[in-house]
């Protein structure tokens, strides 16, 4: 790229109901993991920014929490507000849906897009898992009537099918302006934040359906001493039973969670990591506005 070449840069929202593959798509677009994933809906709670710079194009992706109907506590309400407010501020929006499914929560997302100023690209994800391939084209034709889409693309975020075509569709809609970030920067989130997210990912993956959503991770200490990253992390739950699940028999579960999280944090930091985990109980923390603020749930 020469100095005379124009630069294109803009914010791109990844939106959709929970568990359609937004975080997996972000990680694929960036070529590395910055957004945690699990099979449980609502894994993403915060807006995660990933920066993809290729030649004269810089897309600043915002992975939003899934928009959902249930707003039973303060955390659910925060997540919906975070997703909705992102849509209003971006240059391009990618609305992700799951295969041949279209339900009330997808309709809810479409309503939130009604006043969006940005072009909306519809990405039909997980098409590699569609058994009856002949149903895809009629489904695309039906979805084409739902909204005035800028593009409709079948993709697989997991195996990369058509992800380059999606990137091209985004790039041609980015405004011409100088890049906001250095070309080697991949996210605006701190290592401290990312460490907490990686620990939470292991909790959700290892404890499975036994562990409800009322679990959070708070980093109490994060420091580099003699080329070793020392991390002390608190795992917050709402009931004693949840604490027992995480600790496991003779402490085996929390040890396994810590081992897996440490390995990923070492990859992220390229440093040796000493990780210590504690579990604490605080009733109804997910409905406590002050507690949520201390955990980073802010507008």
C-alpha atoms as a PDB file:
ATOM      1  CA  UNK A   1       0.000   0.000   0.000  1.00  0.00           C
ATOM      2  CA  UNK A   2       1.450   3.352  -1.012  1.00  0.00           C
ATOM      3  CA  UNK A   3       1.064   6.652   0.841  1.00  0.00           C
ATOM      4  CA  UNK A   4      -1.297   7.862  -1.892  1.00  0.00           C
ATOM      5  CA  UNK A   5      -3.769   4.986  -1.420  1.00  0.00           C
ATOM      6  CA  UNK A   6      -6.930   6.044   0.423  1.00  0.00           C
ATOM      7  CA  UNK A   7      -7.619   4.468   3.800  1.00  0.00           C
ATOM      8  CA  UNK A   8     -10.969   3.084   4.890  1.00  0.00           C
ATOM      9  CA  UNK A   9     -11.926   2.658   8.529  1.00  0.00           C
ATOM     10  CA  UNK A  10     -15.106   2.098  10.475  1.00  0.00           C
ATOM     11  CA  UNK A  11     -16.922   0.351  13.301  1.00  0.00           C
ATOM     12  CA  UNK A  12     -18.740  -2.905  12.550  1.00  0.00           C
ATOM     13  CA  UNK A  13     -21.320  -4.344  14.972  1.00  0.00           C
ATOM     14  CA  UNK A  14     -21.860  -8.098  15.182  1.00  0.00           C
ATOM     15  CA  UNK A  15     -25.413  -8.539  16.470  1.00  0.00           C
ATOM     16  CA  UNK A  16     -27.936 -11.326  16.892  1.00  0.00           C
ATOM     17  CA  UNK A  17     -29.755 -13.334  19.498  1.00  0.00           C
ATOM     18  CA  UNK A  18     -27.706 -15.449  21.932  1.00  0.00           C
ATOM     19  CA  UNK A  19     -25.679 -18.421  20.714  1.00  0.00           C
ATOM     20  CA  UNK A  20     -25.719 -17.754  16.950  1.00  0.00           C
ATOM     21  CA  UNK A  21     -21.900 -17.641  16.713  1.00  0.00           C
ATOM     22  CA  UNK A  22     -21.010 -13.940  16.978  1.00  0.00           C
ATOM     23  CA  UNK A  23     -17.878 -14.531  19.064  1.00  0.00           C
ATOM     24  CA  UNK A  24     -16.717 -17.424  16.879  1.00  0.00           C
ATOM     25  CA  UNK A  25     -17.126 -15.194  13.823  1.00  0.00           C
ATOM     26  CA  UNK A  26     -15.137 -12.376  15.442  1.00  0.00           C
ATOM     27  CA  UNK A  27     -12.287 -14.734  16.297  1.00  0.00           C
ATOM     28  CA  UNK A  28     -12.281 -16.096  12.731  1.00  0.00           C
ATOM     29  CA  UNK A  29     -12.248 -12.618  11.175  1.00  0.00           C
ATOM     30  CA  UNK A  30      -9.290 -11.617  13.353  1.00  0.00           C
ATOM     31  CA  UNK A  31      -7.386 -14.862  12.967  1.00  0.00           C
ATOM     32  CA  UNK A  32      -7.005 -15.184  16.737  1.00  0.00           C
ATOM     33  CA  UNK A  33      -9.102 -15.543  19.848  1.00  0.00           C
ATOM     34  CA  UNK A  34     -10.185 -12.412  21.693  1.00  0.00           C
ATOM     35  CA  UNK A  35     -13.819 -13.265  22.443  1.00  0.00           C
ATOM     36  CA  UNK A  36     -14.664 -16.252  24.608  1.00  0.00           C
ATOM     37  CA  UNK A  37     -17.000 -18.951  23.364  1.00  0.00           C
ATOM     38  CA  UNK A  38     -19.073 -21.773  24.793  1.00  0.00           C
ATOM     39  CA  UNK A  39     -22.225 -23.646  23.890  1.00  0.00           C
ATOM     40  CA  UNK A  40     -24.170 -21.745  26.524  1.00  0.00           C
ATOM     41  CA  UNK A  41     -26.211 -18.747  25.331  1.00  0.00           C
ATOM     42  CA  UNK A  42     -25.221 -15.313  26.676  1.00  0.00           C
ATOM     43  CA  UNK A  43     -21.537 -16.237  27.012  1.00  0.00           C
ATOM     44  CA  UNK A  44     -20.641 -12.729  25.791  1.00  0.00           C
ATOM     45  CA  UNK A  45     -21.623 -10.114  28.379  1.00  0.00           C
ATOM     46  CA  UNK A  46     -19.533  -7.104  27.384  1.00  0.00           C
ATOM     47  CA  UNK A  47     -18.900  -5.336  24.122  1.00  0.00           C
ATOM     48  CA  UNK A  48     -15.616  -6.781  22.893  1.00  0.00           C
ATOM     49  CA  UNK A  49     -13.691  -4.770  20.301  1.00  0.00           C
ATOM     50  CA  UNK A  50     -11.509  -6.558  17.759  1.00  0.00           C
ATOM     51  CA  UNK A  51      -9.401  -4.669  15.218  1.00  0.00           C
ATOM     52  CA  UNK A  52      -8.790  -6.152  11.771  1.00  0.00           C
ATOM     53  CA  UNK A  53      -6.345  -4.193   9.567  1.00  0.00           C
ATOM     54  CA  UNK A  54      -5.660  -5.458   6.044  1.00  0.00           C
ATOM     55  CA  UNK A  55      -3.993  -3.173   3.518  1.00  0.00           C
ATOM     56  CA  UNK A  56      -5.999   0.062   3.372  1.00  0.00           C
ATOM     57  CA  UNK A  57      -8.991  -1.361   5.269  1.00  0.00           C
ATOM     58  CA  UNK A  58      -9.432  -1.289   9.042  1.00  0.00           C
ATOM     59  CA  UNK A  59     -12.592  -2.808  10.508  1.00  0.00           C
ATOM     60  CA  UNK A  60     -13.184  -2.253  14.210  1.00  0.00           C
ATOM     61  CA  UNK A  61     -15.501  -5.106  15.121  1.00  0.00           C
ATOM     62  CA  UNK A  62     -17.753  -4.883  18.157  1.00  0.00           C
ATOM     63  CA  UNK A  63     -18.975  -8.260  19.434  1.00  0.00           C
ATOM     64  CA  UNK A  64     -22.153  -7.492  21.363  1.00  0.00           C
ATOM     65  CA  UNK A  65     -24.057  -9.518  23.967  1.00  0.00           C
ATOM     66  CA  UNK A  66     -26.936 -11.449  22.423  1.00  0.00           C
ATOM     67  CA  UNK A  67     -30.211  -9.511  22.319  1.00  0.00           C
ATOM     68  CA  UNK A  68     -32.791 -11.540  24.231  1.00  0.00           C
ATOM     69  CA  UNK A  69     -36.350 -11.216  25.500  1.00  0.00           C
ATOM     70  CA  UNK A  70     -35.678 -12.106  29.131  1.00  0.00           C
ATOM     71  CA  UNK A  71     -34.775  -9.064  31.234  1.00  0.00           C
ATOM     72  CA  UNK A  72     -35.169 -10.574  34.677  1.00  0.00           C
ATOM     73  CA  UNK A  73     -32.236  -8.796  36.343  1.00  0.00           C
ATOM     74  CA  UNK A  74     -29.896  -5.829  36.026  1.00  0.00           C
ATOM     75  CA  UNK A  75     -27.281  -7.837  34.119  1.00  0.00           C
ATOM     76  CA  UNK A  76     -29.800  -8.907  31.441  1.00  0.00           C
ATOM     77  CA  UNK A  77     -30.962  -5.315  31.048  1.00  0.00           C
ATOM     78  CA  UNK A  78     -27.373  -4.092  30.750  1.00  0.00           C
ATOM     79  CA  UNK A  79     -26.615  -6.666  28.041  1.00  0.00           C
ATOM     80  CA  UNK A  80     -29.610  -5.645  25.934  1.00  0.00           C
ATOM     81  CA  UNK A  81     -28.750  -1.939  26.306  1.00  0.00           C
ATOM     82  CA  UNK A  82     -25.120  -2.589  25.344  1.00  0.00           C
ATOM     83  CA  UNK A  83     -26.174  -4.367  22.152  1.00  0.00           C
ATOM     84  CA  UNK A  84     -28.865  -1.845  21.187  1.00  0.00           C
ATOM     85  CA  UNK A  85     -26.688   1.222  21.783  1.00  0.00           C
ATOM     86  CA  UNK A  86     -23.865  -0.252  19.695  1.00  0.00           C
ATOM     87  CA  UNK A  87     -26.150  -0.530  16.664  1.00  0.00           C
ATOM     88  CA  UNK A  88     -26.761   3.222  16.740  1.00  0.00           C
ATOM     89  CA  UNK A  89     -23.066   4.120  16.614  1.00  0.00           C
ATOM     90  CA  UNK A  90     -21.506   1.940  13.905  1.00  0.00           C
ATOM     91  CA  UNK A  91     -20.794   2.228  10.183  1.00  0.00           C
ATOM     92  CA  UNK A  92     -21.800  -1.337   9.251  1.00  0.00           C
ATOM     93  CA  UNK A  93     -23.914  -3.924  11.068  1.00  0.00           C
ATOM     94  CA  UNK A  94     -23.711  -7.684  10.561  1.00  0.00           C
ATOM     95  CA  UNK A  95     -26.844  -9.458  11.785  1.00  0.00           C
ATOM     96  CA  UNK A  96     -26.083 -13.139  12.406  1.00  0.00           C
ATOM     97  CA  UNK A  97     -28.746 -15.849  12.413  1.00  0.00           C
ATOM     98  CA  UNK A  98     -28.499 -19.597  12.959  1.00  0.00           C
ATOM     99  CA  UNK A  99     -29.032 -21.848   9.924  1.00  0.00           C
ATOM    100  CA  UNK A 100     -32.724 -22.313   9.044  1.00  0.00           C
ATOM    101  CA  UNK A 101     -33.977 -20.984  12.379  1.00  0.00           C
ATOM    102  CA  UNK A 102     -35.957 -17.755  12.650  1.00  0.00           C
ATOM    103  CA  UNK A 103     -37.750 -17.057  15.930  1.00  0.00           C
ATOM    104  CA  UNK A 104     -39.166 -14.318  18.163  1.00  0.00           C
ATOM    105  CA  UNK A 105     -35.725 -13.235  19.372  1.00  0.00           C
ATOM    106  CA  UNK A 106     -34.580 -12.785  15.760  1.00  0.00           C
ATOM    107  CA  UNK A 107     -37.655 -10.612  15.243  1.00  0.00           C
ATOM    108  CA  UNK A 108     -36.645  -8.634  18.325  1.00  0.00           C
ATOM    109  CA  UNK A 109     -33.231  -7.957  16.776  1.00  0.00           C
ATOM    110  CA  UNK A 110     -34.849  -6.810  13.510  1.00  0.00           C
ATOM    111  CA  UNK A 111     -36.962  -4.324  15.480  1.00  0.00           C
ATOM    112  CA  UNK A 112     -33.799  -2.958  17.105  1.00  0.00           C
ATOM    113  CA  UNK A 113     -32.337  -2.461  13.610  1.00  0.00           C
ATOM    114  CA  UNK A 114     -35.296  -0.409  12.382  1.00  0.00           C
ATOM    115  CA  UNK A 115     -33.682   2.967  13.099  1.00  0.00           C
ATOM    116  CA  UNK A 116     -30.105   1.962  12.295  1.00  0.00           C
ATOM    117  CA  UNK A 117     -28.277   4.369   9.996  1.00  0.00           C
ATOM    118  CA  UNK A 118     -25.721   1.790   8.875  1.00  0.00           C
ATOM    119  CA  UNK A 119     -26.138  -0.793   6.095  1.00  0.00           C
ATOM    120  CA  UNK A 120     -27.198  -4.178   7.500  1.00  0.00           C
ATOM    121  CA  UNK A 121     -25.588  -7.370   6.204  1.00  0.00           C
ATOM    122  CA  UNK A 122     -27.421 -10.603   7.013  1.00  0.00           C
ATOM    123  CA  UNK A 123     -25.059 -13.526   7.721  1.00  0.00           C
ATOM    124  CA  UNK A 124     -26.682 -16.969   7.893  1.00  0.00           C
ATOM    125  CA  UNK A 125     -24.239 -18.891  10.074  1.00  0.00           C
ATOM    126  CA  UNK A 126     -23.523 -22.610  10.600  1.00  0.00           C
ATOM    127  CA  UNK A 127     -24.635 -23.543   7.069  1.00  0.00           C
ATOM    128  CA  UNK A 128     -22.097 -26.396   7.166  1.00  0.00           C
ATOM    129  CA  UNK A 129     -24.410 -28.065   9.681  1.00  0.00           C
ATOM    130  CA  UNK A 130     -27.520 -27.912   7.473  1.00  0.00           C
ATOM    131  CA  UNK A 131     -28.372 -31.481   6.444  1.00  0.00           C
ATOM    132  CA  UNK A 132     -31.048 -30.635   3.846  1.00  0.00           C
ATOM    133  CA  UNK A 133     -29.079 -28.176   1.707  1.00  0.00           C
ATOM    134  CA  UNK A 134     -32.023 -27.693  -0.680  1.00  0.00           C
ATOM    135  CA  UNK A 135     -33.864 -25.805   2.093  1.00  0.00           C
ATOM    136  CA  UNK A 136     -31.254 -23.022   2.253  1.00  0.00           C
ATOM    137  CA  UNK A 137     -32.205 -21.083  -0.900  1.00  0.00           C
ATOM    138  CA  UNK A 138     -35.953 -20.905  -0.051  1.00  0.00           C
ATOM    139  CA  UNK A 139     -34.966 -19.793   3.471  1.00  0.00           C
ATOM    140  CA  UNK A 140     -32.761 -17.029   2.043  1.00  0.00           C
ATOM    141  CA  UNK A 141     -35.651 -15.911  -0.184  1.00  0.00           C
ATOM    142  CA  UNK A 142     -37.952 -15.755   2.858  1.00  0.00           C
ATOM    143  CA  UNK A 143     -35.439 -13.789   4.923  1.00  0.00           C
ATOM    144  CA  UNK A 144     -34.960 -11.355   2.020  1.00  0.00           C
ATOM    145  CA  UNK A 145     -38.531 -10.146   2.650  1.00  0.00           C
ATOM    146  CA  UNK A 146     -37.909  -9.432   6.354  1.00  0.00           C
ATOM    147  CA  UNK A 147     -35.754  -6.313   5.927  1.00  0.00           C
ATOM    148  CA  UNK A 148     -33.921  -4.199   3.389  1.00  0.00           C
ATOM    149  CA  UNK A 149     -30.589  -6.030   3.678  1.00  0.00           C
ATOM    150  CA  UNK A 150     -27.430  -4.626   2.091  1.00  0.00           C
ATOM    151  CA  UNK A 151     -26.292  -8.226   1.474  1.00  0.00           C
ATOM    152  CA  UNK A 152     -27.259 -11.775   2.437  1.00  0.00           C
ATOM    153  CA  UNK A 153     -24.427 -14.278   2.857  1.00  0.00           C
ATOM    154  CA  UNK A 154     -24.457 -17.913   4.019  1.00  0.00           C
ATOM    155  CA  UNK A 155     -21.336 -18.527   6.139  1.00  0.00           C
ATOM    156  CA  UNK A 156     -19.680 -20.872   8.595  1.00  0.00           C
ATOM    157  CA  UNK A 157     -17.816 -18.945  11.294  1.00  0.00           C
ATOM    158  CA  UNK A 158     -16.367 -22.182  12.633  1.00  0.00           C
ATOM    159  CA  UNK A 159     -14.700 -23.480   9.455  1.00  0.00           C
ATOM    160  CA  UNK A 160     -14.305 -20.143   7.655  1.00  0.00           C
ATOM    161  CA  UNK A 161     -16.669 -20.808   4.748  1.00  0.00           C
ATOM    162  CA  UNK A 162     -17.496 -17.515   2.974  1.00  0.00           C
ATOM    163  CA  UNK A 163     -15.905 -15.417   5.756  1.00  0.00           C
ATOM    164  CA  UNK A 164     -13.652 -13.700   3.191  1.00  0.00           C
ATOM    165  CA  UNK A 165     -16.749 -12.821   1.137  1.00  0.00           C
ATOM    166  CA  UNK A 166     -18.289 -11.323   4.263  1.00  0.00           C
ATOM    167  CA  UNK A 167     -15.119  -9.307   4.916  1.00  0.00           C
ATOM    168  CA  UNK A 168     -15.240  -7.989   1.329  1.00  0.00           C
ATOM    169  CA  UNK A 169     -18.902  -7.004   1.756  1.00  0.00           C
ATOM    170  CA  UNK A 170     -17.958  -5.085   4.911  1.00  0.00           C
ATOM    171  CA  UNK A 171     -14.888  -3.416   3.389  1.00  0.00           C
ATOM    172  CA  UNK A 172     -16.760  -1.896   0.471  1.00  0.00           C
ATOM    173  CA  UNK A 173     -19.086  -0.169   2.933  1.00  0.00           C
ATOM    174  CA  UNK A 174     -16.441   1.322   5.235  1.00  0.00           C
ATOM    175  CA  UNK A 175     -16.116   5.130   5.080  1.00  0.00           C
ATOM    176  CA  UNK A 176     -12.935   6.668   3.696  1.00  0.00           C
ATOM    177  CA  UNK A 177     -10.980   7.918   6.691  1.00  0.00           C
ATOM    178  CA  UNK A 178      -7.577   7.369   8.370  1.00  0.00           C
ATOM    179  CA  UNK A 179      -7.104   4.261  10.491  1.00  0.00           C
ATOM    180  CA  UNK A 180      -7.827   4.734  14.202  1.00  0.00           C
ATOM    181  CA  UNK A 181      -5.418   2.046  15.464  1.00  0.00           C
ATOM    182  CA  UNK A 182      -1.904   0.796  14.683  1.00  0.00           C
ATOM    183  CA  UNK A 183      -1.964  -2.063  12.213  1.00  0.00           C
ATOM    184  CA  UNK A 184      -0.634  -4.598  14.743  1.00  0.00           C
ATOM    185  CA  UNK A 185      -3.226  -3.808  17.450  1.00  0.00           C
ATOM    186  CA  UNK A 186      -5.865  -6.525  17.745  1.00  0.00           C
ATOM    187  CA  UNK A 187      -8.142  -5.279  20.585  1.00  0.00           C
ATOM    188  CA  UNK A 188      -8.652  -2.281  22.860  1.00  0.00           C
ATOM    189  CA  UNK A 189      -9.321  -4.517  25.870  1.00  0.00           C
ATOM    190  CA  UNK A 190      -6.655  -4.910  28.586  1.00  0.00           C
ATOM    191  CA  UNK A 191      -4.884  -8.181  29.379  1.00  0.00           C
ATOM    192  CA  UNK A 192      -6.470  -7.981  32.825  1.00  0.00           C
ATOM    193  CA  UNK A 193      -9.957  -7.967  31.282  1.00  0.00           C
ATOM    194  CA  UNK A 194      -9.053 -10.749  28.854  1.00  0.00           C
ATOM    195  CA  UNK A 195      -7.694 -12.908  31.696  1.00  0.00           C
ATOM    196  CA  UNK A 196     -11.014 -12.626  33.553  1.00  0.00           C
ATOM    197  CA  UNK A 197     -12.897 -13.598  30.394  1.00  0.00           C
ATOM    198  CA  UNK A 198     -10.681 -16.631  29.772  1.00  0.00           C
ATOM    199  CA  UNK A 199     -11.270 -17.861  33.317  1.00  0.00           C
ATOM    200  CA  UNK A 200     -15.030 -17.402  32.868  1.00  0.00           C
ATOM    201  CA  UNK A 201     -14.900 -19.334  29.592  1.00  0.00           C
ATOM    202  CA  UNK A 202     -13.337 -22.334  31.346  1.00  0.00           C
ATOM    203  CA  UNK A 203     -15.989 -22.133  34.067  1.00  0.00           C
ATOM    204  CA  UNK A 204     -18.798 -22.224  31.498  1.00  0.00           C
ATOM    205  CA  UNK A 205     -17.215 -24.981  29.449  1.00  0.00           C
ATOM    206  CA  UNK A 206     -16.196 -27.297  32.286  1.00  0.00           C
ATOM    207  CA  UNK A 207     -19.198 -26.910  34.564  1.00  0.00           C
ATOM    208  CA  UNK A 208     -21.683 -27.135  31.686  1.00  0.00           C
ATOM    209  CA  UNK A 209     -25.377 -27.095  32.498  1.00  0.00           C
ATOM    210  CA  UNK A 210     -24.671 -27.522  36.213  1.00  0.00           C
ATOM    211  CA  UNK A 211     -23.515 -23.913  36.435  1.00  0.00           C
ATOM    212  CA  UNK A 212     -26.124 -21.191  35.898  1.00  0.00           C
ATOM    213  CA  UNK A 213     -25.408 -17.732  34.532  1.00  0.00           C
ATOM    214  CA  UNK A 214     -24.908 -16.150  37.960  1.00  0.00           C
ATOM    215  CA  UNK A 215     -21.133 -16.465  37.872  1.00  0.00           C
ATOM    216  CA  UNK A 216     -18.598 -13.666  37.381  1.00  0.00           C
ATOM    217  CA  UNK A 217     -14.836 -13.272  37.591  1.00  0.00           C
ATOM    218  CA  UNK A 218     -13.053 -10.348  39.232  1.00  0.00           C
ATOM    219  CA  UNK A 219      -9.281  -9.883  38.962  1.00  0.00           C
ATOM    220  CA  UNK A 220      -8.007  -8.717  42.356  1.00  0.00           C
ATOM    221  CA  UNK A 221      -4.323  -8.681  41.440  1.00  0.00           C
ATOM    222  CA  UNK A 222      -2.521  -8.663  38.102  1.00  0.00           C
ATOM    223  CA  UNK A 223       1.201  -7.928  38.166  1.00  0.00           C
ATOM    224  CA  UNK A 224       4.395  -8.874  36.365  1.00  0.00           C
ATOM    225  CA  UNK A 225       7.287  -9.925  38.629  1.00  0.00           C
ATOM    226  CA  UNK A 226      10.521 -11.358  37.215  1.00  0.00           C
ATOM    227  CA  UNK A 227       8.852 -12.142  33.869  1.00  0.00           C
ATOM    228  CA  UNK A 228       6.036 -14.057  35.593  1.00  0.00           C
ATOM    229  CA  UNK A 229       2.440 -12.760  35.512  1.00  0.00           C
ATOM    230  CA  UNK A 230       0.847 -13.199  38.939  1.00  0.00           C
ATOM    231  CA  UNK A 231      -2.966 -13.240  38.882  1.00  0.00           C
ATOM    232  CA  UNK A 232      -5.360 -13.514  41.819  1.00  0.00           C
ATOM    233  CA  UNK A 233      -8.958 -13.949  40.690  1.00  0.00           C
ATOM    234  CA  UNK A 234     -12.263 -14.098  42.566  1.00  0.00           C
ATOM    235  CA  UNK A 235     -15.104 -16.180  41.162  1.00  0.00           C
ATOM    236  CA  UNK A 236     -18.445 -14.766  42.327  1.00  0.00           C
ATOM    237  CA  UNK A 237     -21.546 -16.974  42.625  1.00  0.00           C
ATOM    238  CA  UNK A 238     -24.940 -16.450  44.233  1.00  0.00           C
ATOM    239  CA  UNK A 239     -25.410 -19.663  46.238  1.00  0.00           C
ATOM    240  CA  UNK A 240     -23.325 -22.114  48.277  1.00  0.00           C
ATOM    241  CA  UNK A 241     -24.380 -24.942  45.952  1.00  0.00           C
ATOM    242  CA  UNK A 242     -22.802 -23.135  42.998  1.00  0.00           C
ATOM    243  CA  UNK A 243     -19.581 -22.735  44.965  1.00  0.00           C
ATOM    244  CA  UNK A 244     -19.468 -26.490  45.628  1.00  0.00           C
ATOM    245  CA  UNK A 245     -19.929 -27.231  41.913  1.00  0.00           C
ATOM    246  CA  UNK A 246     -16.989 -25.013  40.941  1.00  0.00           C
ATOM    247  CA  UNK A 247     -14.648 -26.338  43.634  1.00  0.00           C
ATOM    248  CA  UNK A 248     -15.615 -29.947  42.973  1.00  0.00           C
ATOM    249  CA  UNK A 249     -14.677 -33.056  44.906  1.00  0.00           C
ATOM    250  CA  UNK A 250     -11.403 -32.471  46.789  1.00  0.00           C
ATOM    251  CA  UNK A 251     -10.924 -29.258  44.782  1.00  0.00           C
ATOM    252  CA  UNK A 252     -10.385 -31.127  41.501  1.00  0.00           C
ATOM    253  CA  UNK A 253     -12.804 -29.010  39.430  1.00  0.00           C
ATOM    254  CA  UNK A 254     -11.347 -25.613  40.331  1.00  0.00           C
ATOM    255  CA  UNK A 255      -7.847 -26.999  39.819  1.00  0.00           C
ATOM    256  CA  UNK A 256      -8.775 -28.126  36.300  1.00  0.00           C
ATOM    257  CA  UNK A 257     -10.408 -24.753  35.529  1.00  0.00           C
ATOM    258  CA  UNK A 258      -7.287 -22.946  36.728  1.00  0.00           C
ATOM    259  CA  UNK A 259      -4.951 -25.152  34.683  1.00  0.00           C
ATOM    260  CA  UNK A 260      -6.877 -24.621  31.425  1.00  0.00           C
ATOM    261  CA  UNK A 261      -7.259 -20.885  32.011  1.00  0.00           C
ATOM    262  CA  UNK A 262      -3.557 -20.494  32.847  1.00  0.00           C
ATOM    263  CA  UNK A 263      -2.547 -22.145  29.549  1.00  0.00           C
ATOM    264  CA  UNK A 264      -4.696 -19.733  27.512  1.00  0.00           C
ATOM    265  CA  UNK A 265      -3.493 -16.697  29.478  1.00  0.00           C
ATOM    266  CA  UNK A 266       0.114 -17.764  28.870  1.00  0.00           C
ATOM    267  CA  UNK A 267      -0.599 -17.880  25.132  1.00  0.00           C
ATOM    268  CA  UNK A 268      -2.223 -14.431  25.308  1.00  0.00           C
ATOM    269  CA  UNK A 269       0.571 -12.797  27.334  1.00  0.00           C
ATOM    270  CA  UNK A 270       3.510 -14.845  25.992  1.00  0.00           C
ATOM    271  CA  UNK A 271       4.638 -15.038  29.638  1.00  0.00           C
ATOM    272  CA  UNK A 272       4.667 -17.671  32.369  1.00  0.00           C
ATOM    273  CA  UNK A 273       1.570 -17.263  34.558  1.00  0.00           C
ATOM    274  CA  UNK A 274       0.907 -18.028  38.229  1.00  0.00           C
ATOM    275  CA  UNK A 275      -2.877 -18.133  38.661  1.00  0.00           C
ATOM    276  CA  UNK A 276      -4.732 -18.408  41.968  1.00  0.00           C
ATOM    277  CA  UNK A 277      -8.527 -18.751  42.129  1.00  0.00           C
ATOM    278  CA  UNK A 278     -10.995 -18.260  44.990  1.00  0.00           C
ATOM    279  CA  UNK A 279     -14.772 -18.705  45.005  1.00  0.00           C
ATOM    280  CA  UNK A 280     -17.014 -16.330  46.979  1.00  0.00           C
ATOM    281  CA  UNK A 281     -20.781 -16.218  47.474  1.00  0.00           C
ATOM    282  CA  UNK A 282     -22.771 -12.987  47.178  1.00  0.00           C
ATOM    283  CA  UNK A 283     -26.527 -13.372  46.967  1.00  0.00           C
ATOM    284  CA  UNK A 284     -28.195 -11.742  43.920  1.00  0.00           C
ATOM    285  CA  UNK A 285     -25.008 -10.043  42.680  1.00  0.00           C
ATOM    286  CA  UNK A 286     -26.371 -10.161  39.099  1.00  0.00           C
ATOM    287  CA  UNK A 287     -29.197  -7.815  40.133  1.00  0.00           C
ATOM    288  CA  UNK A 288     -26.974  -5.430  42.119  1.00  0.00           C
ATOM    289  CA  UNK A 289     -26.188  -2.313  40.034  1.00  0.00           C
ATOM    290  CA  UNK A 290     -23.217  -1.331  42.228  1.00  0.00           C
ATOM    291  CA  UNK A 291     -21.718  -4.828  42.068  1.00  0.00           C
ATOM    292  CA  UNK A 292     -22.155  -4.928  38.289  1.00  0.00           C
ATOM    293  CA  UNK A 293     -20.366  -1.604  37.941  1.00  0.00           C
ATOM    294  CA  UNK A 294     -17.400  -2.902  39.951  1.00  0.00           C
ATOM    295  CA  UNK A 295     -17.277  -5.905  37.602  1.00  0.00           C
ATOM    296  CA  UNK A 296     -17.068  -3.679  34.516  1.00  0.00           C
ATOM    297  CA  UNK A 297     -20.722  -3.667  33.447  1.00  0.00           C
ATOM    298  CA  UNK A 298     -20.921  -0.019  32.441  1.00  0.00           C
ATOM    299  CA  UNK A 299     -22.614   1.839  29.595  1.00  0.00           C
END
